[in-house]
Amino acid sequence: MKKSLLALAVLGAFAGAASAQTNVTVYGLVDAGISHENGIQSVTKLATGVQSGNRLGFKGSEDLGGGLKANFQLENGFNLDTGTQRQGALFGRQAWVGLSGGFGSVSLGRQYDPLFIALDTIDPFGTGLSGATTNLMGFGASGDVRVNNSINYTTNNLGGFSATALYGLGEVAGANANNRTYALSGTYANGPVTAVLAYSNNNNATNTNTTKEWLLGGTYNFGVATAHLGYESEKNDTGSDYRDWMVGVSAPVGAGTVLASFINKDDRSAANNRGAKQYALGYTYALSKRTNLYTSYAHIKNDAGATWVVGDASSGGNAVAAGNNSNAFAVGIRHKF
């Protein structure tokens, strides 16, 4: 831990010097709240990163001429309530370097799975707060939203359309498929319409189980409110088979925004008893461009064999017994810098 803190201090000290040759930005986010979670045992806690995970980051680019740029991003995740490190690494949120130009952009390192970015795009709660879609959709079921050892290619914006392809090397000698990930996504954003289509294929460390996920969704801004829709298929080799759909709304109210969503998780497996439904309501209030207050509540009604729980951007939630319901309420503050 001492080495991690020293590395952060050194990077911070030299960020100003580096900016003389390269455009470097130091940025971050701090988020804390009070959360009450019901489960096998209820708990009230000072919660870290309810709306968004806490972070300290460095990103920059250098103009190489001829439209070519070198780019990098290093992002540390931490717990605001204890000051401890998250994601098990100094730059566990993101760590990559790459090139961009007329061909698009290529980056190498630890990066987000394109399916998670697509899900975040259509979720009225932004995959945070008590109503996060990840409680029942996407990587709530299959693991980390980031991919180690990954090669990522993203096109430039082509009339509102962009596409991303990612390949994560498993790096297991003699077994290239072990721990391997590949994912694709396409996004169309033009005027009031945003549409996403994404696919992710993840092998486990021994290549004995592969998780495959498809996501189709979008948003439409009517002015007075924005509608959010999503449909997902989740399958793996151990027999899990789900069809998930989400409908939501976000509506500006004065300096704040009301958020609401409903998610239905339909279990299509032989067991047919591990589905769930989530009802969520939230509100964010802007004190400035960089600071906001928030509150949110979510309730999950589990099928007889299900143990899904209400979490948020940083918490995995409070465990429940099979068939029991889960709910959580949170209030807090988030500041970006």
Foldseek 3Di string as FASTA:
>chain_A
DVVLVVVVVVCVVCQVVVCVQWPKDKKWKWKWWWKWKDAPHIDIDTFTQQLHFTKIKMKIWGDPDPFKIKIWMFMWTAGPVVRHGPCPDSRNADGWIWMAGQFFIKIWFKAFAVVLVQQLQQALSSCGHLPGPLLFDDCVPPHDRIAGGKIKGKGDQDQQKIKMKMWHFLPDPPCRLAQIKIKIKMWGDDPQKIWMWMWIWTAHRVNPKIKIKIKTWMWGCPPQKIKGKMWMWIDMPVFWTWIKIKIWMWGDDVQKIKIWMKMWIFTPGPVRFAIKIKTKIKMWGDPDPFKIKMKMKMKIQGGQQHFRERGGNPDSGDTHHGRDMIMMIIIIMMGID
